[in-house]
Structures are given as C-alpha cells and as structure tokens.
Amino acid sequence: MNSNPFSDTTIRKIERFQWWHQRRTKLIFIILIILTILIISLSLILKFVILKPSKSKITTTTTTTTTTTTTTTTSYQQYVWRDTGNLVNARYRHAASVLNDGRVLITGGLGSTYQLRTAELYDPSAGNWTLTGNMNIEREFHTSSTLTNGKVLVVGGEASRGYQNTAELYDPSTGVWTVTDSLEYARSEHAATVLLDGKILITGGYNGRDYLDSAELFDISTETWRNTTSMNSGREHHTASLLQDGRVLVVGGSDSRTAELYDPLTEAWKYTGNMTIGRQSHTATVLANGKVLVVGGSHDPTSRAELYDPTTETWTVINGPKDIRFDHTASVLTNGQVLIAGGYAVDDLITTELYDPSTGNWIITGNMSHTRTDHIAATLLNGNVLVAGGYDRGAKNTAELYEPL
C-alpha cells in the first residue's frame, strides 16, 4: 500500500512550483542587480555630464628655435554669468566709478537720441539700480574718477551745447552734484588718472577740431585746475595707466603706435618704446607683476596683444584673445586674471575671454547674456565684475554680473 498521501500529479505540480519559485527568486535577484547598476549609472551621468560646472578650454602653443611643437592642453575655469537689475535709463558711452561703500555710480552717456544728465547707483547687496541726483550738464565720452575723499569727479565730454570744459563733483553722502572749477581746454574722449598724491591727471582728447596734447591737473584740496606739461603727441581714445612706481603710461590713441611716460615729480613727459601696431579704443591693464597688458584697438585691428615692462621700458608681442575687438572692457579679477568683455569687431560681441598672467594663456570663458559695445565694467569690492549698458542696435539698459568661482 502506498503511504504517500499525494498523487503523482500533485507531486509533479509541487516540483514545478518549487522549480519556478527558485527561478523567480534568481530572476528577482538579477533584476535588482540590473536596476542598481542603472541607478548608479544615471546618477553619474547626471553629476558629471548634465550638471557639470561650466568649462573653458585653454589652448597653449609652444615654439622652440629648432623645432616647432604645438601642445594643446585642456583645463577648466569655472564661471557664472547672471543677469542683475536693469538700469533705469538705457545708455552707452557713459562712465562708472566704484564708491568707497561698494556701490557703483553710473553717469551720463548717450540714450536713444540724446546725451543724458541722469545718474544711477547700483547696490550690490540688493542687486538693483536707483536714480540719484542729475548732473548739471548732460555729457557723453566724459571721465569719472573716485577721489581719495570719497567724492566723484566728472570731467569734460560732449553735450548738446558742444564740447565741454566743465567739471562736477558728486557727494555720495548727499547725492548732490556741484559744479567745480573748469578746465582750460574743452575735451572729450580724453583719459583721467588718479595719481598717488590724490591729484587727477587729465590727458589729451578731442575738441571738435584737434587731437589734444595738453594735460591738466586737478587738486582736490583746492578744487582747482592747472596746466601741466603737454604730451609729445596729441591723442584721443587712448589709455592712461598708473604704474606701481607712480608714473603714468599713456598708450596709443589717434597717434597710433606711440607711448609716453609722465613723471608726476618732474611733470615731464618722454616717449617710451613704440608698440608694434597702432591702437585706439583699446584697453590697458596694470597686472600684479607691474607689467601692462594692452589688448585690441580699432586703428590696426588685430587679435595680438602686447605687454609693456616698465623696468626695461620695452614692449613684447604675446598671443592675443581669439576675437579681434575694440570698445570692449578689461577688468582685473581677484585672482589676477584679466576679463575681456564685449566690444565690436565685424559686429557687436557677446564673447568674453580671460588672460592668465601666470601662464600667459587665454581662456575662452562663457558668453555674456547680452551683446554689447561701448559699455562699462566695474570690479566690485566682493570680486564680482559688473557689466552695464552699452550698444547693440540701440542703447541697452541691461546689466549682468561675472562671478568667478
């Protein structure tokens, strides 16, 4: 007699169930492993591909005397461009000064059809613009300088009533403008330099007839102007940079390739070495090592840049930015790099590039949000760079911040 309580059919069903149960357990285990791998892979893709930091490519070319070797390396500079509050008035050919409290004062410029008297303040902590007191005279192509006493001196420029020899002082504590002593010569497209002793040196410019070689000094203690020795050449749309030893380097302008040095102690000018090409509407930036980086210009448009060494008073041609440009801006970052932004070539530019003095490399960094030329750029106390206004088929009221990480 068979003691097994189950029939053969039942036994086979049980065996098939056990077999399927074992198989199902294995399948579930395999599926869980596959899902785990997929989740890990997706997270890595999300982290390193989709959400990776913005990157900038650096291309380095090395040349020896016997053979030419081209080495391309790629490293990364993190950056962020973001819009900030819009200006109240669209403008270009305006001027900007960083106040001692960190705010930025924007003055004048050209609006849609006419020169502006208005002035605006940017508050970095709030990220917005507010109108402050109007200047007494509308102006474009003027200069704006923050004095050692905290006031701002605005000088010259073009107005509806002609080229200006007028000057005004802005008091940030009251928001009021006061007309001060006038220059001897009306001028626009000139340059202004704050000297180590606090005086303001005004050089060159244009008066509607001539490129000026004259120079004038403003004394903040007496709020008066006096003539100083004239430059050797008349020039406008030039640059005037305060060197670390207190001298002033004037570069380019309508006189193209030439450069001059001004000694405030002797009030004497002398030619220094010529650049290899003529430039105007370029930028000149004093680096931490004391050298001066000159970029761009409209006289002989080129992407080549040049370095001036004050110790040897010589120029060296170096690799330049990718884009030919003029009427751009140049700003020194807290890490010593120089940010070149916007400007004009065949058309208004949206591109920006970084120069690294420690390596001599140019880094193609992220584009601005808006195309612009004839704008302003101001390095804020927190290290960010504010870019505002400018021209792109009309005056712009947009502003944006460059935040190096």
Protein backbone atom coordinates (compact mmCIF):
# COMPACT_ATOMS: atom_id res chain seq x y z
CA MET A 1 0.00 0.00 0.00
CA ASN A 2 1.36 3.44 -0.97
CA SER A 3 1.95 5.59 2.13
CA ASN A 4 2.48 8.84 0.16
CA PRO A 5 -0.67 10.96 0.68
CA PHE A 6 -0.03 12.88 -2.63
CA SER A 7 -0.70 11.62 -6.07
CA ASP A 8 1.91 11.63 -8.80
CA THR A 9 0.19 14.55 -10.44
CA THR A 10 0.25 16.53 -7.25
CA ILE A 11 3.92 15.73 -6.71
CA ARG A 12 4.80 16.96 -10.19
CA LYS A 13 2.90 20.20 -9.56
CA ILE A 14 4.78 20.69 -6.32
CA GLU A 15 8.10 20.05 -8.04
CA ARG A 16 7.26 22.50 -10.82
CA PHE A 17 6.24 25.10 -8.22
CA GLN A 18 9.49 24.62 -6.34
CA TRP A 19 11.45 24.91 -9.59
CA TRP A 20 9.61 28.09 -10.61
CA HIS A 21 9.94 29.57 -7.12
CA GLN A 22 13.71 29.02 -7.22
CA ARG A 23 13.90 30.52 -10.72
CA ARG A 24 11.76 33.52 -9.75
CA THR A 25 13.98 34.22 -6.77
CA LYS A 26 17.04 34.22 -9.03
CA LEU A 27 15.32 36.43 -11.60
CA ILE A 28 14.26 38.93 -8.95
CA PHE A 29 17.83 39.00 -7.64
CA ILE A 30 19.24 39.57 -11.16
CA ILE A 31 16.68 42.32 -11.87
CA LEU A 32 17.57 44.07 -8.61
CA ILE A 33 21.26 44.00 -9.58
CA ILE A 34 20.49 45.42 -13.02
CA LEU A 35 18.31 48.18 -11.54
CA THR A 36 21.04 49.05 -9.05
CA ILE A 37 23.60 49.36 -11.86
CA LEU A 38 21.23 51.53 -13.90
CA ILE A 39 20.55 53.86 -10.95
CA ILE A 40 24.27 54.27 -10.26
CA SER A 41 25.00 54.92 -13.95
CA LEU A 42 22.22 57.50 -14.24
CA SER A 43 23.43 59.33 -11.14
CA LEU A 44 26.98 59.50 -12.52
CA ILE A 45 25.73 60.80 -15.88
CA LEU A 46 23.63 63.42 -14.11
CA LYS A 47 26.51 64.54 -11.94
CA PHE A 48 29.35 64.66 -14.45
CA VAL A 49 27.61 65.35 -17.75
CA ILE A 50 24.30 67.14 -17.31
CA LEU A 51 25.08 69.15 -14.17
CA LYS A 52 28.84 69.52 -14.58
CA PRO A 53 30.32 73.04 -13.97
CA SER A 54 30.73 75.34 -16.97
CA LYS A 55 34.13 74.81 -18.54
CA SER A 56 36.55 76.87 -20.59
CA LYS A 57 39.13 75.46 -22.93
CA ILE A 58 42.73 76.64 -22.79
CA THR A 59 44.93 76.20 -25.85
CA THR A 60 48.68 76.61 -25.40
CA THR A 61 51.16 76.87 -28.27
CA THR A 62 54.89 76.43 -27.54
CA THR A 63 57.56 77.26 -30.14
CA THR A 64 61.30 76.48 -29.91
CA THR A 65 64.12 77.80 -32.10
CA THR A 66 64.91 74.48 -33.76
CA THR A 67 61.58 72.74 -33.99
CA THR A 68 58.01 73.85 -33.60
CA THR A 69 55.91 71.86 -31.17
CA THR A 70 52.23 72.52 -30.69
CA THR A 71 50.82 71.22 -27.44
CA THR A 72 47.13 71.50 -26.72
CA THR A 73 46.06 71.05 -23.13
CA THR A 74 42.61 71.35 -21.71
CA SER A 75 41.93 72.63 -18.21
CA TYR A 76 38.86 74.23 -16.73
CA GLN A 77 37.89 77.59 -15.33
CA GLN A 78 34.54 77.67 -13.58
CA TYR A 79 32.45 80.77 -14.13
CA VAL A 80 28.96 82.14 -13.80
CA TRP A 81 27.28 84.98 -15.73
CA ARG A 82 23.92 86.08 -14.38
CA ASP A 83 21.61 89.00 -15.04
CA THR A 84 21.16 91.60 -12.36
CA GLY A 85 18.73 94.53 -12.18
CA ASN A 86 18.23 96.70 -15.28
CA LEU A 87 19.33 100.32 -15.48
CA VAL A 88 16.56 102.90 -15.20
CA ASN A 89 17.83 104.58 -18.39
CA ALA A 90 19.32 102.75 -21.36
CA ARG A 91 22.72 104.26 -22.20
CA TYR A 92 26.11 103.82 -23.84
CA ARG A 93 29.32 105.91 -23.90
CA HIS A 94 28.67 106.50 -20.19
CA ALA A 95 31.12 106.34 -17.27
CA ALA A 96 31.26 104.43 -13.99
CA SER A 97 33.01 104.77 -10.63
CA VAL A 98 33.07 102.38 -7.66
CA LEU A 99 32.31 104.31 -4.48
CA ASN A 100 34.07 103.70 -1.17
CA ASP A 101 30.94 102.00 0.23
CA GLY A 102 30.92 99.49 -2.66
CA ARG A 103 28.09 100.99 -4.70
CA VAL A 104 28.63 101.88 -8.37
CA LEU A 105 27.82 105.30 -9.81
CA ILE A 106 26.82 105.44 -13.50
CA THR A 107 26.81 108.87 -15.17
CA GLY A 108 25.60 110.34 -18.45
CA GLY A 109 26.11 108.68 -21.78
CA LEU A 110 24.01 108.61 -24.91
CA GLY A 111 20.42 107.43 -24.71
CA SER A 112 18.17 106.63 -27.64
CA THR A 113 18.59 110.04 -29.27
CA TYR A 114 20.41 112.46 -26.95
CA GLN A 115 23.01 112.81 -24.20
CA LEU A 116 21.89 112.15 -20.62
CA ARG A 117 22.16 114.17 -17.40
CA THR A 118 20.90 111.32 -15.27
CA ALA A 119 23.00 109.31 -12.83
CA GLU A 120 22.22 105.95 -11.23
CA LEU A 121 23.51 103.94 -8.28
CA TYR A 122 23.93 100.14 -8.26
CA ASP A 123 23.70 98.45 -4.87
CA PRO A 124 25.50 95.05 -5.00
CA SER A 125 23.78 93.83 -1.83
CA ALA A 126 20.31 94.40 -3.29
CA GLY A 127 21.19 93.88 -6.95
CA ASN A 128 19.21 96.90 -8.14
CA TRP A 129 19.60 100.39 -9.60
CA THR A 130 18.17 103.67 -8.28
CA LEU A 131 18.30 107.16 -9.69
CA THR A 132 20.37 109.71 -7.79
CA GLY A 133 20.77 113.44 -8.39
CA ASN A 134 21.12 114.61 -12.00
CA MET A 135 24.34 116.19 -13.23
CA ASN A 136 24.15 119.86 -14.10
CA ILE A 137 25.16 119.18 -17.71
CA GLU A 138 24.40 116.22 -19.96
CA ARG A 139 27.53 114.50 -21.32
CA GLU A 140 28.98 111.51 -23.16
CA PHE A 141 32.61 110.46 -23.71
CA HIS A 142 33.45 112.04 -20.34
CA THR A 143 35.54 110.61 -17.48
CA SER A 144 34.54 109.72 -13.92
CA SER A 145 37.06 109.32 -11.08
CA THR A 146 36.61 108.40 -7.41
CA LEU A 147 38.71 110.79 -5.33
CA THR A 148 40.59 109.99 -2.12
CA ASN A 149 37.97 111.98 -0.16
CA GLY A 150 35.18 109.72 -1.47
CA LYS A 151 33.66 112.20 -3.90
CA VAL A 152 33.45 111.57 -7.65
CA LEU A 153 34.85 113.99 -10.24
CA VAL A 154 33.21 114.02 -13.69
CA VAL A 155 35.12 115.86 -16.40
CA GLY A 156 34.50 117.11 -19.95
CA GLY A 157 32.71 115.14 -22.66
CA GLU A 158 30.28 116.07 -25.41
CA ALA A 159 26.93 117.73 -24.79
CA SER A 160 24.16 119.14 -26.91
CA ARG A 161 25.78 122.54 -26.38
CA GLY A 162 29.19 121.34 -27.63
CA TYR A 163 32.47 120.01 -26.25
CA GLN A 164 32.80 120.59 -22.53
CA ASN A 165 35.48 122.11 -20.32
CA THR A 166 33.13 121.80 -17.33
CA ALA A 167 33.63 119.54 -14.31
CA GLU A 168 31.31 118.43 -11.49
CA LEU A 169 31.71 116.84 -8.08
CA TYR A 170 29.29 114.22 -6.71
CA ASP A 171 28.91 113.75 -2.97
CA PRO A 172 27.68 110.19 -2.22
CA SER A 173 26.54 111.20 1.27
CA THR A 174 24.01 113.69 -0.12
CA GLY A 175 23.50 112.56 -3.72
CA VAL A 176 24.10 116.14 -4.86
CA TRP A 177 26.23 117.42 -7.77
CA THR A 178 28.24 120.64 -7.50
CA VAL A 179 29.83 122.46 -10.43
CA THR A 180 33.53 122.92 -9.75
CA ASP A 181 36.40 124.76 -11.47
CA SER A 182 36.51 124.40 -15.27
CA LEU A 183 39.40 123.06 -17.31
CA GLU A 184 41.29 125.42 -19.58
CA TYR A 185 40.55 123.26 -22.62
CA ALA A 186 37.26 121.64 -23.62
CA ARG A 187 37.74 117.96 -24.41
CA SER A 188 36.04 114.61 -24.86
CA GLU A 189 37.41 111.09 -25.42
CA HIS A 190 40.25 112.00 -23.05
CA ALA A 191 41.71 109.97 -20.15
CA ALA A 192 41.74 110.56 -16.39
CA THR A 193 44.21 109.07 -13.90
CA VAL A 194 44.19 109.31 -10.09
CA LEU A 195 47.81 109.89 -9.05
CA LEU A 196 49.42 108.59 -5.85
CA ASP A 197 49.20 112.06 -4.28
CA GLY A 198 45.44 112.20 -4.95
CA LYS A 199 45.59 114.66 -7.84
CA ILE A 200 43.72 113.89 -11.08
CA LEU A 201 45.68 113.95 -14.36
CA ILE A 202 43.63 114.67 -17.50
CA THR A 203 45.34 113.91 -20.81
CA GLY A 204 44.54 114.52 -24.46
CA GLY A 205 41.12 114.24 -26.02
CA TYR A 206 39.29 115.86 -28.93
CA ASN A 207 37.66 119.30 -29.14
CA GLY A 208 35.89 119.03 -32.48
CA ARG A 209 38.92 120.32 -34.40
CA ASP A 210 42.15 118.91 -32.98
CA TYR A 211 43.56 115.92 -31.16
CA LEU A 212 44.88 117.50 -27.97
CA ASP A 213 48.36 117.09 -26.48
CA SER A 214 47.56 119.22 -23.42
CA ALA A 215 47.36 117.85 -19.88
CA GLU A 216 45.81 119.33 -16.73
CA LEU A 217 45.91 118.56 -13.00
CA PHE A 218 43.01 118.81 -10.52
CA ASP A 219 43.90 119.45 -6.87
CA ILE A 220 41.19 118.04 -4.59
CA SER A 221 42.28 120.22 -1.65
CA THR A 222 41.62 123.47 -3.57
CA GLU A 223 39.23 122.02 -6.18
CA THR A 224 41.08 123.88 -8.92
CA TRP A 225 42.77 123.01 -12.21
CA ARG A 226 46.19 123.97 -13.52
CA ASN A 227 48.11 123.09 -16.65
CA THR A 228 50.97 120.65 -16.53
CA THR A 229 53.48 119.85 -19.26
CA SER A 230 51.88 118.81 -22.56
CA MET A 231 52.39 115.38 -24.06
CA ASN A 232 54.68 114.94 -27.06
CA SER A 233 51.75 113.90 -29.27
CA GLY A 234 48.08 114.77 -29.49
CA ARG A 235 45.81 111.77 -28.95
CA GLU A 236 42.22 110.70 -28.20
CA HIS A 237 40.65 107.32 -27.37
CA HIS A 238 43.98 106.49 -25.71
CA THR A 239 44.65 104.89 -22.31
CA ALA A 240 46.48 106.32 -19.28
CA SER A 241 47.59 103.78 -16.65
CA LEU A 242 49.06 104.45 -13.20
CA LEU A 243 52.19 102.32 -12.82
CA GLN A 244 53.32 100.89 -9.50
CA ASP A 245 56.15 103.44 -9.24
CA GLY A 246 53.70 106.36 -9.61
CA ARG A 247 54.43 107.22 -13.23
CA VAL A 248 51.66 107.25 -15.85
CA LEU A 249 51.85 105.28 -19.09
CA VAL A 250 49.86 106.80 -21.97
CA VAL A 251 49.34 104.45 -24.90
CA GLY A 252 48.05 104.78 -28.45
CA GLY A 253 45.07 106.85 -29.47
CA SER A 254 45.00 108.94 -32.61
CA ASP A 255 48.81 108.86 -32.63
CA SER A 256 48.62 105.10 -33.08
CA ARG A 257 51.80 103.19 -32.11
CA THR A 258 53.47 105.62 -29.71
CA ALA A 259 53.53 105.54 -25.92
CA GLU A 260 54.66 108.13 -23.37
CA LEU A 261 55.61 108.20 -19.70
CA TYR A 262 54.64 111.02 -17.32
CA ASP A 263 56.63 111.59 -14.13
CA PRO A 264 54.47 113.46 -11.55
CA LEU A 265 57.59 114.52 -9.61
CA THR A 266 59.13 116.40 -12.53
CA GLU A 267 55.93 116.86 -14.56
CA ALA A 268 57.94 115.76 -17.60
CA TRP A 269 56.86 113.54 -20.50
CA LYS A 270 59.10 111.26 -22.53
CA TYR A 271 58.48 108.79 -25.31
CA THR A 272 58.95 105.18 -24.34
CA GLY A 273 59.17 102.20 -26.70
CA ASN A 274 56.62 102.05 -29.52
CA MET A 275 54.05 99.28 -29.82
CA THR A 276 54.33 97.10 -32.91
CA ILE A 277 50.93 98.24 -34.23
CA GLY A 278 48.74 101.30 -33.84
CA ARG A 279 45.78 101.16 -31.46
CA GLN A 280 42.89 103.30 -30.28
CA SER A 281 39.75 102.34 -28.36
CA HIS A 282 41.88 99.56 -26.85
CA THR A 283 42.35 98.61 -23.18
CA ALA A 284 45.46 98.81 -20.99
CA THR A 285 45.55 96.89 -17.70
CA VAL A 286 48.21 97.01 -14.98
CA LEU A 287 48.96 93.45 -13.83
CA ALA A 288 50.05 92.35 -10.36
CA ASN A 289 53.63 91.94 -11.62
CA GLY A 290 53.68 95.61 -12.69
CA LYS A 291 53.55 94.98 -16.43
CA VAL A 292 50.80 96.50 -18.59
CA LEU A 293 48.61 94.33 -20.83
CA VAL A 294 47.31 96.10 -23.97
CA VAL A 295 44.51 94.40 -25.90
CA GLY A 296 42.56 95.19 -29.07
CA GLY A 297 42.01 98.53 -30.73
CA SER A 298 40.46 99.94 -33.89
CA HIS A 299 43.42 101.68 -35.57
CA ASP A 300 45.02 98.47 -36.87
CA PRO A 301 42.53 95.81 -35.77
CA THR A 302 44.32 92.70 -34.52
CA SER A 303 43.91 89.88 -32.06
CA ARG A 304 47.54 90.26 -30.97
CA ALA A 305 48.21 91.64 -27.51
CA GLU A 306 51.30 93.36 -26.13
CA LEU A 307 52.98 93.59 -22.73
CA TYR A 308 54.84 96.69 -21.55
CA ASP A 309 57.61 96.21 -18.97
CA PRO A 310 58.21 99.46 -17.00
CA THR A 311 61.59 98.25 -15.74
CA THR A 312 63.03 97.91 -19.26
CA GLU A 313 60.56 100.27 -20.98
CA THR A 314 60.07 97.73 -23.76
CA TRP A 315 57.12 96.04 -25.47
CA THR A 316 56.66 92.33 -26.12
CA VAL A 317 54.11 90.85 -28.51
CA ILE A 318 52.17 87.97 -26.97
CA ASN A 319 49.34 85.71 -28.06
CA GLY A 320 46.09 87.63 -28.06
CA PRO A 321 42.45 86.76 -27.48
CA LYS A 322 40.51 84.73 -30.02
CA ASP A 323 38.32 87.66 -31.13
CA ILE A 324 39.52 90.91 -32.65
CA ARG A 325 37.73 93.67 -30.74
CA PHE A 326 37.67 97.35 -29.74
CA ASP A 327 35.43 99.46 -27.49
CA HIS A 328 35.50 96.49 -25.10
CA THR A 329 36.29 96.44 -21.37
CA ALA A 330 39.09 94.88 -19.32
CA SER A 331 38.75 94.09 -15.60
CA VAL A 332 41.24 92.62 -13.12
CA LEU A 333 39.85 89.74 -11.06
CA THR A 334 40.88 88.94 -7.51
CA ASN A 335 42.99 86.01 -8.77
CA GLY A 336 44.99 88.36 -11.02
CA GLN A 337 43.38 87.24 -14.27
CA VAL A 338 42.03 89.85 -16.70
CA LEU A 339 38.47 89.60 -18.02
CA ILE A 340 37.93 90.97 -21.55
CA ALA A 341 34.24 91.51 -22.34
CA GLY A 342 32.21 92.53 -25.37
CA GLY A 343 33.23 95.20 -27.81
CA TYR A 344 32.98 95.43 -31.57
CA ALA A 345 34.60 93.65 -34.50
CA VAL A 346 32.52 92.93 -37.58
CA ASP A 347 29.52 93.22 -35.27
CA ASP A 348 28.83 93.82 -31.58
CA LEU A 349 30.25 90.98 -29.47
CA ILE A 350 28.78 88.77 -26.77
CA THR A 351 32.01 86.85 -26.12
CA THR A 352 34.35 87.15 -23.13
CA GLU A 353 37.88 85.86 -22.58
CA LEU A 354 40.30 85.58 -19.68
CA TYR A 355 44.05 86.28 -19.68
CA ASP A 356 46.09 84.41 -17.07
CA PRO A 357 49.38 86.29 -16.39
CA SER A 358 50.85 83.29 -14.54
CA THR A 359 50.75 81.11 -17.66
CA GLY A 360 50.34 83.59 -20.50
CA ASN A 361 47.29 81.63 -21.66
CA TRP A 362 43.96 82.94 -22.92
CA ILE A 363 40.84 81.16 -21.69
CA ILE A 364 37.61 81.30 -23.69
CA THR A 365 35.10 81.82 -20.91
CA GLY A 366 31.31 81.90 -21.08
CA ASN A 367 29.39 84.37 -23.22
CA MET A 368 27.52 87.25 -21.64
CA SER A 369 23.74 87.14 -21.69
CA HIS A 370 23.64 90.22 -23.94
CA THR A 371 25.69 91.52 -26.85
CA ARG A 372 27.20 94.94 -26.08
CA THR A 373 29.85 97.51 -27.01
CA ASP A 374 30.62 100.96 -25.52
CA HIS A 375 29.50 99.58 -22.14
CA ILE A 376 31.11 99.88 -18.71
CA ALA A 377 32.66 97.23 -16.46
CA ALA A 378 33.42 97.73 -12.77
CA THR A 379 35.15 95.32 -10.39
CA LEU A 380 33.11 95.25 -7.18
CA LEU A 381 34.53 95.03 -3.67
CA ASN A 382 33.38 91.37 -3.47
CA GLY A 383 35.42 90.49 -6.58
CA ASN A 384 32.50 90.20 -8.99
CA VAL A 385 32.51 92.24 -12.21
CA LEU A 386 29.50 94.38 -13.10
CA VAL A 387 28.85 95.00 -16.81
CA ALA A 388 26.13 97.52 -17.64
CA GLY A 389 24.58 99.33 -20.57
CA GLY A 390 26.22 99.58 -23.96
CA TYR A 391 25.08 99.50 -27.54
CA ASP A 392 23.59 96.75 -29.70
CA ARG A 393 21.39 98.25 -32.44
CA GLY A 394 20.35 100.78 -29.83
CA ALA A 395 21.12 101.80 -26.25
CA LYS A 396 20.82 98.94 -23.73
CA ASN A 397 19.56 99.03 -20.14
CA THR A 398 20.63 95.51 -19.21
CA ALA A 399 23.26 94.67 -16.61
CA GLU A 400 24.95 91.41 -15.60
CA LEU A 401 27.47 90.06 -13.14
CA TYR A 402 30.51 87.87 -13.77
CA GLU A 403 31.17 85.69 -10.75
CA PRO A 404 34.49 83.79 -10.81
CA LEU A 405 34.37 80.64 -8.70
